[in-house]
Amino acid sequence: MEKQKTTKSQISEMIQGYGFIIPSLLIILVFFVLAILFAVYLSFNDVNLIMHTYEWNGFRNYQNLFQDKQLLHALQNTGFFALVVVPVQTIIALVIAYILASKGIKAKKMFRLIYFLPTLTSSAALTLIFMFVFNLNGPVNGFLESIHLIDGPINFINDTDWTLKVIMVMNIWSTVPYFMTIYLASLVDLPEVMYEAAEIDGANAFQKLRYITIPYLRPITTFVLLTGIIGTFQMFDQAYIFSGGTGGPENSTLTVSLLIFQYAFGQQNQMGYAAVIAIMLAIIIFVVSRIAEKLNGGNGHEKN
């Protein structure tokens, strides 16, 4: 068979297609590929941003990882933060979406709007609001004292036992609406016949959630878990604002991302070592994400 010649219209379409793709490819190349390669290069150097000097030091930055007590503390805080926040926000988002998708619930649109409002507010503004709500003279202490649960105000902002937990509460409250919306969008496509068949068999609301809704939403749950893991391991702004960039009190809010910032742009001036920690964090996120995906049954699609 003779090969068909490419017509002028096909060539024109190809040129137009590449014209649309090239800007995206350039962005990926500059801000993703080259950025990663440059970070790897920095990890093998002693970098002085003030003097603009790069001194090759081999694997010394990588060796310092095993001697950095600050890093160990940051990893513990970040791991604890992710271990609590990710499952809690996923479960709450799923339950709220399931309730709002039910037929018997009135004023659904109003509730969806109210629940989604925190997502529209910037993280910095939410952090300042929570710092006001949980301060010594804030509404939370006032309420707890009014019902006689505590004798005196709790220093939620500067107490090592409470500060990170307050950030957890804020993170859950602000991220649940986003994941709830994703679940709601997926529940729209769930066949109503499945619920009707379950009702005929005598299934209650909890059983329908467990045996129909949760298995059906498994691919979406995988996405929610992966998004939550990435977000929690990269948590920076709340910890920075709460502690003023120090990670205090007593490193109780020190996260890996905040530690990277301190090494790169703080008084230590160790951009090369910060790049090593950033690479380590990327590897940890990848490994934990893959484990979570496997535990949740993958993306929900069977291999052909």
C-alpha atoms as a PDB file:
ATOM      1  CA  MET A   1       0.000   0.000   0.000  1.00  0.00           C
ATOM      2  CA  GLU A   2       1.212   3.472  -0.836  1.00  0.00           C
ATOM      3  CA  LYS A   3       1.749   5.869   1.990  1.00  0.00           C
ATOM      4  CA  GLN A   4      -0.710   8.709   2.112  1.00  0.00           C
ATOM      5  CA  LYS A   5       0.836  12.127   1.618  1.00  0.00           C
ATOM      6  CA  THR A   6       0.395  14.697   4.342  1.00  0.00           C
ATOM      7  CA  THR A   7      -1.899  17.438   3.149  1.00  0.00           C
ATOM      8  CA  LYS A   8      -1.417  21.133   3.781  1.00  0.00           C
ATOM      9  CA  SER A   9      -4.400  21.195   6.163  1.00  0.00           C
ATOM     10  CA  GLN A  10      -2.890  18.367   8.232  1.00  0.00           C
ATOM     11  CA  ILE A  11       0.465  20.158   8.388  1.00  0.00           C
ATOM     12  CA  SER A  12      -1.335  23.328   9.444  1.00  0.00           C
ATOM     13  CA  GLU A  13      -3.152  21.435  12.207  1.00  0.00           C
ATOM     14  CA  MET A  14       0.127  19.898  13.389  1.00  0.00           C
ATOM     15  CA  ILE A  15       1.773  23.313  13.557  1.00  0.00           C
ATOM     16  CA  GLN A  16      -1.174  24.699  15.495  1.00  0.00           C
ATOM     17  CA  GLY A  17      -1.059  21.733  17.879  1.00  0.00           C
ATOM     18  CA  TYR A  18       2.647  22.155  18.554  1.00  0.00           C
ATOM     19  CA  GLY A  19       2.073  25.882  18.957  1.00  0.00           C
ATOM     20  CA  PHE A  20      -0.325  25.189  21.821  1.00  0.00           C
ATOM     21  CA  ILE A  21       1.940  22.559  23.414  1.00  0.00           C
ATOM     22  CA  ILE A  22       5.287  24.390  23.251  1.00  0.00           C
ATOM     23  CA  PRO A  23       4.487  27.071  25.897  1.00  0.00           C
ATOM     24  CA  SER A  24       3.462  24.362  28.369  1.00  0.00           C
ATOM     25  CA  LEU A  25       6.553  22.306  27.543  1.00  0.00           C
ATOM     26  CA  LEU A  26       8.767  25.340  28.113  1.00  0.00           C
ATOM     27  CA  ILE A  27       7.151  25.985  31.502  1.00  0.00           C
ATOM     28  CA  ILE A  28       7.632  22.334  32.505  1.00  0.00           C
ATOM     29  CA  LEU A  29      11.228  22.382  31.271  1.00  0.00           C
ATOM     30  CA  VAL A  30      12.204  25.583  33.104  1.00  0.00           C
ATOM     31  CA  PHE A  31      10.201  25.340  36.335  1.00  0.00           C
ATOM     32  CA  PHE A  32      10.198  21.549  36.758  1.00  0.00           C
ATOM     33  CA  VAL A  33      12.992  19.696  34.970  1.00  0.00           C
ATOM     34  CA  LEU A  34      15.700  22.373  35.177  1.00  0.00           C
ATOM     35  CA  ALA A  35      14.647  23.283  38.731  1.00  0.00           C
ATOM     36  CA  ILE A  36      15.082  19.665  39.858  1.00  0.00           C
ATOM     37  CA  LEU A  37      18.447  19.348  38.130  1.00  0.00           C
ATOM     38  CA  PHE A  38      19.613  22.627  39.672  1.00  0.00           C
ATOM     39  CA  ALA A  39      18.488  21.452  43.147  1.00  0.00           C
ATOM     40  CA  VAL A  40      20.465  18.237  42.687  1.00  0.00           C
ATOM     41  CA  TYR A  41      23.503  20.299  41.670  1.00  0.00           C
ATOM     42  CA  LEU A  42      23.109  22.548  44.721  1.00  0.00           C
ATOM     43  CA  SER A  43      22.958  19.506  47.000  1.00  0.00           C
ATOM     44  CA  PHE A  44      26.604  18.727  46.187  1.00  0.00           C
ATOM     45  CA  ASN A  45      27.822  22.246  46.946  1.00  0.00           C
ATOM     46  CA  ASP A  46      28.401  24.637  49.807  1.00  0.00           C
ATOM     47  CA  VAL A  47      26.342  27.574  48.572  1.00  0.00           C
ATOM     48  CA  ASN A  48      26.739  31.108  49.872  1.00  0.00           C
ATOM     49  CA  LEU A  49      23.887  33.259  48.585  1.00  0.00           C
ATOM     50  CA  ILE A  50      25.450  36.449  49.917  1.00  0.00           C
ATOM     51  CA  MET A  51      28.804  35.920  48.212  1.00  0.00           C
ATOM     52  CA  HIS A  52      27.281  34.031  45.266  1.00  0.00           C
ATOM     53  CA  THR A  53      29.799  31.209  45.615  1.00  0.00           C
ATOM     54  CA  TYR A  54      29.437  27.484  44.930  1.00  0.00           C
ATOM     55  CA  GLU A  55      32.038  25.127  46.446  1.00  0.00           C
ATOM     56  CA  TRP A  56      31.831  21.424  45.540  1.00  0.00           C
ATOM     57  CA  ASN A  57      31.780  19.242  48.669  1.00  0.00           C
ATOM     58  CA  GLY A  58      30.794  15.813  47.356  1.00  0.00           C
ATOM     59  CA  PHE A  59      28.379  13.936  49.610  1.00  0.00           C
ATOM     60  CA  ARG A  60      29.040  15.942  52.773  1.00  0.00           C
ATOM     61  CA  ASN A  61      25.578  17.545  52.721  1.00  0.00           C
ATOM     62  CA  TYR A  62      23.982  14.106  52.469  1.00  0.00           C
ATOM     63  CA  GLN A  63      26.105  12.827  55.358  1.00  0.00           C
ATOM     64  CA  ASN A  64      24.927  15.722  57.509  1.00  0.00           C
ATOM     65  CA  LEU A  65      21.350  14.420  57.249  1.00  0.00           C
ATOM     66  CA  PHE A  66      22.163  11.659  59.742  1.00  0.00           C
ATOM     67  CA  GLN A  67      23.598  14.112  62.286  1.00  0.00           C
ATOM     68  CA  ASP A  68      20.882  16.783  62.174  1.00  0.00           C
ATOM     69  CA  LYS A  69      18.733  16.611  65.321  1.00  0.00           C
ATOM     70  CA  GLN A  70      16.618  19.515  64.080  1.00  0.00           C
ATOM     71  CA  LEU A  71      15.715  17.495  61.003  1.00  0.00           C
ATOM     72  CA  LEU A  72      14.697  14.518  63.126  1.00  0.00           C
ATOM     73  CA  HIS A  73      12.420  16.754  65.185  1.00  0.00           C
ATOM     74  CA  ALA A  74      10.927  18.281  62.041  1.00  0.00           C
ATOM     75  CA  LEU A  75      10.298  14.816  60.574  1.00  0.00           C
ATOM     76  CA  GLN A  76       8.528  13.728  63.756  1.00  0.00           C
ATOM     77  CA  ASN A  77       6.284  16.807  63.727  1.00  0.00           C
ATOM     78  CA  THR A  78       5.517  16.490  60.017  1.00  0.00           C
ATOM     79  CA  GLY A  79       4.849  12.735  60.235  1.00  0.00           C
ATOM     80  CA  PHE A  80       2.526  13.181  63.227  1.00  0.00           C
ATOM     81  CA  PHE A  81       0.761  16.041  61.478  1.00  0.00           C
ATOM     82  CA  ALA A  82       0.170  13.991  58.307  1.00  0.00           C
ATOM     83  CA  LEU A  83      -0.804  10.836  60.229  1.00  0.00           C
ATOM     84  CA  VAL A  84      -3.615  12.684  62.019  1.00  0.00           C
ATOM     85  CA  VAL A  85      -4.784  15.256  59.474  1.00  0.00           C
ATOM     86  CA  VAL A  86      -4.964  13.120  56.303  1.00  0.00           C
ATOM     87  CA  PRO A  87      -7.306  10.343  57.544  1.00  0.00           C
ATOM     88  CA  VAL A  88      -9.443  12.712  59.640  1.00  0.00           C
ATOM     89  CA  GLN A  89     -10.048  15.211  56.828  1.00  0.00           C
ATOM     90  CA  THR A  90     -10.747  12.385  54.366  1.00  0.00           C
ATOM     91  CA  ILE A  91     -13.314  10.701  56.608  1.00  0.00           C
ATOM     92  CA  ILE A  92     -15.074  13.951  57.537  1.00  0.00           C
ATOM     93  CA  ALA A  93     -15.207  15.095  53.906  1.00  0.00           C
ATOM     94  CA  LEU A  94     -16.648  11.755  52.795  1.00  0.00           C
ATOM     95  CA  VAL A  95     -19.306  11.687  55.519  1.00  0.00           C
ATOM     96  CA  ILE A  96     -20.416  15.291  54.896  1.00  0.00           C
ATOM     97  CA  ALA A  97     -20.569  14.683  51.137  1.00  0.00           C
ATOM     98  CA  TYR A  98     -22.613  11.516  51.685  1.00  0.00           C
ATOM     99  CA  ILE A  99     -25.062  13.358  53.937  1.00  0.00           C
ATOM    100  CA  LEU A 100     -25.436  16.309  51.557  1.00  0.00           C
ATOM    101  CA  ALA A 101     -25.985  13.917  48.636  1.00  0.00           C
ATOM    102  CA  SER A 102     -28.882  12.219  50.431  1.00  0.00           C
ATOM    103  CA  LYS A 103     -32.421  12.906  49.246  1.00  0.00           C
ATOM    104  CA  GLY A 104     -33.948  13.841  52.599  1.00  0.00           C
ATOM    105  CA  ILE A 105     -31.627  16.760  53.342  1.00  0.00           C
ATOM    106  CA  LYS A 106     -33.179  20.204  52.879  1.00  0.00           C
ATOM    107  CA  ALA A 107     -31.294  23.435  52.032  1.00  0.00           C
ATOM    108  CA  LYS A 108     -28.399  21.478  50.497  1.00  0.00           C
ATOM    109  CA  LYS A 109     -27.107  24.407  48.471  1.00  0.00           C
ATOM    110  CA  MET A 110     -26.963  26.647  51.522  1.00  0.00           C
ATOM    111  CA  PHE A 111     -25.021  24.042  53.532  1.00  0.00           C
ATOM    112  CA  ARG A 112     -22.625  23.469  50.621  1.00  0.00           C
ATOM    113  CA  LEU A 113     -21.966  27.204  50.403  1.00  0.00           C
ATOM    114  CA  ILE A 114     -21.384  27.510  54.154  1.00  0.00           C
ATOM    115  CA  TYR A 115     -19.040  24.504  54.237  1.00  0.00           C
ATOM    116  CA  PHE A 116     -17.094  25.739  51.209  1.00  0.00           C
ATOM    117  CA  LEU A 117     -16.447  29.262  52.537  1.00  0.00           C
ATOM    118  CA  PRO A 118     -13.204  28.376  54.401  1.00  0.00           C
ATOM    119  CA  THR A 119     -11.676  27.227  51.108  1.00  0.00           C
ATOM    120  CA  LEU A 120     -12.170  30.705  49.633  1.00  0.00           C
ATOM    121  CA  THR A 121     -10.173  32.332  52.427  1.00  0.00           C
ATOM    122  CA  SER A 122      -6.388  32.586  52.202  1.00  0.00           C
ATOM    123  CA  SER A 123      -4.328  30.347  54.444  1.00  0.00           C
ATOM    124  CA  ALA A 124      -2.598  33.331  56.042  1.00  0.00           C
ATOM    125  CA  ALA A 125      -5.916  34.963  56.943  1.00  0.00           C
ATOM    126  CA  LEU A 126      -7.245  31.698  58.404  1.00  0.00           C
ATOM    127  CA  THR A 127      -4.098  31.311  60.486  1.00  0.00           C
ATOM    128  CA  LEU A 128      -4.473  34.806  61.951  1.00  0.00           C
ATOM    129  CA  ILE A 129      -8.147  34.125  62.702  1.00  0.00           C
ATOM    130  CA  PHE A 130      -7.313  30.896  64.530  1.00  0.00           C
ATOM    131  CA  MET A 131      -4.541  32.622  66.476  1.00  0.00           C
ATOM    132  CA  PHE A 132      -7.155  35.115  67.681  1.00  0.00           C
ATOM    133  CA  VAL A 133      -9.748  32.430  68.427  1.00  0.00           C
ATOM    134  CA  PHE A 134      -7.299  30.310  70.452  1.00  0.00           C
ATOM    135  CA  ASN A 135      -5.351  33.039  72.257  1.00  0.00           C
ATOM    136  CA  LEU A 136      -5.463  33.502  76.036  1.00  0.00           C
ATOM    137  CA  ASN A 137      -8.413  35.910  75.874  1.00  0.00           C
ATOM    138  CA  GLY A 138     -10.035  34.320  72.819  1.00  0.00           C
ATOM    139  CA  PRO A 139     -13.480  32.779  72.399  1.00  0.00           C
ATOM    140  CA  VAL A 140     -12.305  29.192  72.923  1.00  0.00           C
ATOM    141  CA  ASN A 141     -10.812  29.863  76.355  1.00  0.00           C
ATOM    142  CA  GLY A 142     -13.795  32.010  77.243  1.00  0.00           C
ATOM    143  CA  PHE A 143     -16.228  29.238  76.312  1.00  0.00           C
ATOM    144  CA  LEU A 144     -14.287  26.523  78.148  1.00  0.00           C
ATOM    145  CA  GLU A 145     -14.113  28.680  81.273  1.00  0.00           C
ATOM    146  CA  SER A 146     -17.820  29.541  81.063  1.00  0.00           C
ATOM    147  CA  ILE A 147     -18.811  25.874  81.165  1.00  0.00           C
ATOM    148  CA  HIS A 148     -16.201  25.217  83.905  1.00  0.00           C
ATOM    149  CA  LEU A 149     -14.126  22.745  81.907  1.00  0.00           C
ATOM    150  CA  ILE A 150     -10.961  24.653  82.788  1.00  0.00           C
ATOM    151  CA  ASP A 151     -10.037  26.846  85.768  1.00  0.00           C
ATOM    152  CA  GLY A 152      -7.776  29.202  83.811  1.00  0.00           C
ATOM    153  CA  PRO A 153      -7.016  30.012  80.173  1.00  0.00           C
ATOM    154  CA  ILE A 154      -4.854  27.603  78.179  1.00  0.00           C
ATOM    155  CA  ASN A 155      -1.957  29.060  76.213  1.00  0.00           C
ATOM    156  CA  PHE A 156      -2.828  27.282  72.960  1.00  0.00           C
ATOM    157  CA  ILE A 157      -0.469  29.456  70.884  1.00  0.00           C
ATOM    158  CA  ASN A 158       2.719  29.109  72.946  1.00  0.00           C
ATOM    159  CA  ASP A 159       2.283  25.752  74.678  1.00  0.00           C
ATOM    160  CA  THR A 160       4.289  22.866  73.199  1.00  0.00           C
ATOM    161  CA  ASP A 161       1.446  20.452  73.980  1.00  0.00           C
ATOM    162  CA  TRP A 162      -1.163  22.450  72.070  1.00  0.00           C
ATOM    163  CA  THR A 163       0.302  24.596  69.283  1.00  0.00           C
ATOM    164  CA  LEU A 164       0.706  21.885  66.645  1.00  0.00           C
ATOM    165  CA  LYS A 165      -2.716  20.459  67.520  1.00  0.00           C
ATOM    166  CA  VAL A 166      -4.331  23.869  66.925  1.00  0.00           C
ATOM    167  CA  ILE A 167      -2.687  23.973  63.486  1.00  0.00           C
ATOM    168  CA  MET A 168      -4.076  20.489  62.827  1.00  0.00           C
ATOM    169  CA  VAL A 169      -7.607  21.614  63.686  1.00  0.00           C
ATOM    170  CA  MET A 170      -7.254  24.635  61.432  1.00  0.00           C
ATOM    171  CA  ASN A 171      -5.871  22.551  58.553  1.00  0.00           C
ATOM    172  CA  ILE A 172      -8.676  20.007  58.799  1.00  0.00           C
ATOM    173  CA  TRP A 173     -11.340  22.718  59.002  1.00  0.00           C
ATOM    174  CA  SER A 174      -9.974  24.530  55.948  1.00  0.00           C
ATOM    175  CA  THR A 175      -9.338  21.507  53.694  1.00  0.00           C
ATOM    176  CA  VAL A 176     -12.435  19.399  54.364  1.00  0.00           C
ATOM    177  CA  PRO A 177     -14.695  21.652  52.193  1.00  0.00           C
ATOM    178  CA  TYR A 178     -12.442  21.210  49.144  1.00  0.00           C
ATOM    179  CA  PHE A 179     -12.396  17.413  49.417  1.00  0.00           C
ATOM    180  CA  MET A 180     -16.116  17.379  50.237  1.00  0.00           C
ATOM    181  CA  THR A 181     -16.786  19.155  46.927  1.00  0.00           C
ATOM    182  CA  ILE A 182     -14.746  16.549  45.049  1.00  0.00           C
ATOM    183  CA  TYR A 183     -16.702  13.742  46.682  1.00  0.00           C
ATOM    184  CA  LEU A 184     -20.001  15.481  45.932  1.00  0.00           C
ATOM    185  CA  ALA A 185     -19.105  15.850  42.267  1.00  0.00           C
ATOM    186  CA  SER A 186     -18.406  12.104  42.090  1.00  0.00           C
ATOM    187  CA  LEU A 187     -21.553  11.102  43.959  1.00  0.00           C
ATOM    188  CA  VAL A 188     -23.640  12.746  41.250  1.00  0.00           C
ATOM    189  CA  ASP A 189     -22.664   9.901  38.896  1.00  0.00           C
ATOM    190  CA  LEU A 190     -23.418   7.124  41.397  1.00  0.00           C
ATOM    191  CA  PRO A 191     -26.402   5.135  40.017  1.00  0.00           C
ATOM    192  CA  GLU A 192     -29.445   5.601  42.259  1.00  0.00           C
ATOM    193  CA  VAL A 193     -30.486   2.035  41.383  1.00  0.00           C
ATOM    194  CA  MET A 194     -27.716   0.720  43.635  1.00  0.00           C
ATOM    195  CA  TYR A 195     -29.155   2.514  46.662  1.00  0.00           C
ATOM    196  CA  GLU A 196     -32.676   1.410  45.793  1.00  0.00           C
ATOM    197  CA  ALA A 197     -31.577  -2.219  45.535  1.00  0.00           C
ATOM    198  CA  ALA A 198     -29.820  -1.926  48.893  1.00  0.00           C
ATOM    199  CA  GLU A 199     -32.968  -0.463  50.487  1.00  0.00           C
ATOM    200  CA  ILE A 200     -35.010  -3.386  49.179  1.00  0.00           C
ATOM    201  CA  ASP A 201     -32.529  -5.728  50.873  1.00  0.00           C
ATOM    202  CA  GLY A 202     -33.025  -3.802  54.121  1.00  0.00           C
ATOM    203  CA  ALA A 203     -29.757  -1.848  54.204  1.00  0.00           C
ATOM    204  CA  ASN A 204     -29.620   1.199  56.438  1.00  0.00           C
ATOM    205  CA  ALA A 205     -27.761   4.463  55.762  1.00  0.00           C
ATOM    206  CA  PHE A 206     -24.500   3.266  57.327  1.00  0.00           C
ATOM    207  CA  GLN A 207     -24.548   0.003  55.372  1.00  0.00           C
ATOM    208  CA  LYS A 208     -25.156   1.868  52.107  1.00  0.00           C
ATOM    209  CA  LEU A 209     -22.227   4.117  52.906  1.00  0.00           C
ATOM    210  CA  ARG A 210     -19.953   1.186  53.732  1.00  0.00           C
ATOM    211  CA  TYR A 211     -20.863  -1.252  50.975  1.00  0.00           C
ATOM    212  CA  ILE A 212     -21.853   1.077  48.108  1.00  0.00           C
ATOM    213  CA  THR A 213     -20.560   4.620  48.504  1.00  0.00           C
ATOM    214  CA  ILE A 214     -17.059   3.915  49.826  1.00  0.00           C
ATOM    215  CA  PRO A 215     -16.177   1.208  47.232  1.00  0.00           C
ATOM    216  CA  TYR A 216     -17.608   3.343  44.424  1.00  0.00           C
ATOM    217  CA  LEU A 217     -15.537   6.363  45.507  1.00  0.00           C
ATOM    218  CA  ARG A 218     -12.275   4.439  45.913  1.00  0.00           C
ATOM    219  CA  PRO A 219     -10.512   6.142  42.958  1.00  0.00           C
ATOM    220  CA  ILE A 220     -11.574   9.548  44.310  1.00  0.00           C
ATOM    221  CA  THR A 221     -10.428   8.573  47.805  1.00  0.00           C
ATOM    222  CA  THR A 222      -7.024   7.696  46.367  1.00  0.00           C
ATOM    223  CA  PHE A 223      -6.813  11.183  44.853  1.00  0.00           C
ATOM    224  CA  VAL A 224      -7.919  12.779  48.135  1.00  0.00           C
ATOM    225  CA  LEU A 225      -5.358  10.771  50.108  1.00  0.00           C
ATOM    226  CA  LEU A 226      -2.509  11.630  47.750  1.00  0.00           C
ATOM    227  CA  THR A 227      -3.464  15.316  47.703  1.00  0.00           C
ATOM    228  CA  GLY A 228      -3.722  15.348  51.491  1.00  0.00           C
ATOM    229  CA  ILE A 229      -0.364  13.623  51.964  1.00  0.00           C
ATOM    230  CA  ILE A 230       1.401  16.058  49.640  1.00  0.00           C
ATOM    231  CA  GLY A 231      -0.249  19.065  51.300  1.00  0.00           C
ATOM    232  CA  THR A 232       0.488  17.988  54.884  1.00  0.00           C
ATOM    233  CA  PHE A 233       4.108  17.040  54.223  1.00  0.00           C
ATOM    234  CA  GLN A 234       4.625  20.417  52.536  1.00  0.00           C
ATOM    235  CA  MET A 235       2.879  22.387  55.297  1.00  0.00           C
ATOM    236  CA  PHE A 236       4.754  25.645  55.790  1.00  0.00           C
ATOM    237  CA  ASP A 237       2.705  28.841  55.997  1.00  0.00           C
ATOM    238  CA  GLN A 238       0.660  27.984  59.106  1.00  0.00           C
ATOM    239  CA  ALA A 239       3.727  26.885  61.058  1.00  0.00           C
ATOM    240  CA  TYR A 240       5.652  29.953  59.893  1.00  0.00           C
ATOM    241  CA  ILE A 241       2.934  32.408  60.964  1.00  0.00           C
ATOM    242  CA  PHE A 242       2.205  30.663  64.277  1.00  0.00           C
ATOM    243  CA  SER A 243       5.873  30.599  65.290  1.00  0.00           C
ATOM    244  CA  GLY A 244       7.107  33.712  63.496  1.00  0.00           C
ATOM    245  CA  GLY A 245       9.403  31.517  61.417  1.00  0.00           C
ATOM    246  CA  THR A 246      11.207  29.971  64.403  1.00  0.00           C
ATOM    247  CA  GLY A 247       9.303  26.680  64.600  1.00  0.00           C
ATOM    248  CA  GLY A 248       8.670  27.320  68.282  1.00  0.00           C
ATOM    249  CA  PRO A 249       7.794  27.020  71.011  1.00  0.00           C
ATOM    250  CA  GLU A 250      10.706  24.570  71.512  1.00  0.00           C
ATOM    251  CA  ASN A 251      10.477  23.334  67.901  1.00  0.00           C
ATOM    252  CA  SER A 252       6.923  22.063  68.476  1.00  0.00           C
ATOM    253  CA  THR A 253       5.764  23.571  65.155  1.00  0.00           C
ATOM    254  CA  LEU A 254       8.964  22.940  63.209  1.00  0.00           C
ATOM    255  CA  THR A 255       8.090  21.154  59.958  1.00  0.00           C
ATOM    256  CA  VAL A 256      10.398  19.903  57.225  1.00  0.00           C
ATOM    257  CA  SER A 257       9.333  22.679  54.845  1.00  0.00           C
ATOM    258  CA  LEU A 258       9.921  25.325  57.507  1.00  0.00           C
ATOM    259  CA  LEU A 259      13.344  23.820  58.254  1.00  0.00           C
ATOM    260  CA  ILE A 260      14.228  23.990  54.542  1.00  0.00           C
ATOM    261  CA  PHE A 261      13.291  27.676  54.571  1.00  0.00           C
ATOM    262  CA  GLN A 262      15.431  28.302  57.653  1.00  0.00           C
ATOM    263  CA  TYR A 263      18.503  26.639  56.157  1.00  0.00           C
ATOM    264  CA  ALA A 264      18.052  28.248  52.735  1.00  0.00           C
ATOM    265  CA  PHE A 265      17.101  31.813  53.674  1.00  0.00           C
ATOM    266  CA  GLY A 266      17.759  32.083  57.404  1.00  0.00           C
ATOM    267  CA  GLN A 267      20.918  32.865  59.308  1.00  0.00           C
ATOM    268  CA  GLN A 268      22.454  29.468  58.509  1.00  0.00           C
ATOM    269  CA  ASN A 269      22.794  30.402  54.814  1.00  0.00           C
ATOM    270  CA  GLN A 270      23.071  26.732  53.759  1.00  0.00           C
ATOM    271  CA  MET A 271      21.213  26.536  50.462  1.00  0.00           C
ATOM    272  CA  GLY A 272      23.067  23.344  49.452  1.00  0.00           C
ATOM    273  CA  TYR A 273      22.007  21.491  52.579  1.00  0.00           C
ATOM    274  CA  ALA A 274      18.449  22.847  52.195  1.00  0.00           C
ATOM    275  CA  ALA A 275      18.389  21.330  48.693  1.00  0.00           C
ATOM    276  CA  VAL A 276      19.346  17.947  50.172  1.00  0.00           C
ATOM    277  CA  ILE A 277      16.454  18.115  52.652  1.00  0.00           C
ATOM    278  CA  ALA A 278      14.097  19.148  49.833  1.00  0.00           C
ATOM    279  CA  ILE A 279      15.165  16.120  47.772  1.00  0.00           C
ATOM    280  CA  MET A 280      14.712  13.877  50.812  1.00  0.00           C
ATOM    281  CA  LEU A 281      11.231  15.323  51.404  1.00  0.00           C
ATOM    282  CA  ALA A 282      10.258  14.672  47.766  1.00  0.00           C
ATOM    283  CA  ILE A 283      11.381  11.033  48.099  1.00  0.00           C
ATOM    284  CA  ILE A 284       9.440  10.610  51.364  1.00  0.00           C
ATOM    285  CA  ILE A 285       6.275  12.075  49.815  1.00  0.00           C
ATOM    286  CA  PHE A 286       6.614   9.762  46.808  1.00  0.00           C
ATOM    287  CA  VAL A 287       7.123   6.647  48.961  1.00  0.00           C
ATOM    288  CA  VAL A 288       4.318   7.467  51.411  1.00  0.00           C
ATOM    289  CA  SER A 289       1.957   8.331  48.543  1.00  0.00           C
ATOM    290  CA  ARG A 290       2.667   5.028  46.810  1.00  0.00           C
ATOM    291  CA  ILE A 291       2.069   3.119  50.054  1.00  0.00           C
ATOM    292  CA  ALA A 292      -1.228   4.943  50.649  1.00  0.00           C
ATOM    293  CA  GLU A 293      -2.284   4.248  47.064  1.00  0.00           C
ATOM    294  CA  LYS A 294      -1.543   0.542  47.432  1.00  0.00           C
ATOM    295  CA  LEU A 295      -3.339   0.308  50.778  1.00  0.00           C
ATOM    296  CA  ASN A 296      -6.401   1.948  49.234  1.00  0.00           C
ATOM    297  CA  GLY A 297      -6.428  -0.531  46.365  1.00  0.00           C
ATOM    298  CA  GLY A 298      -4.725   1.620  43.746  1.00  0.00           C
ATOM    299  CA  ASN A 299      -6.662   3.960  41.503  1.00  0.00           C
ATOM    300  CA  GLY A 300      -9.689   1.679  41.377  1.00  0.00           C
ATOM    301  CA  HIS A 301      -9.211   0.572  37.761  1.00  0.00           C
ATOM    302  CA  GLU A 302      -8.443  -3.025  36.971  1.00  0.00           C
ATOM    303  CA  LYS A 303      -5.550  -3.788  34.714  1.00  0.00           C
ATOM    304  CA  ASN A 304      -6.475  -5.211  31.396  1.00  0.00           C
END
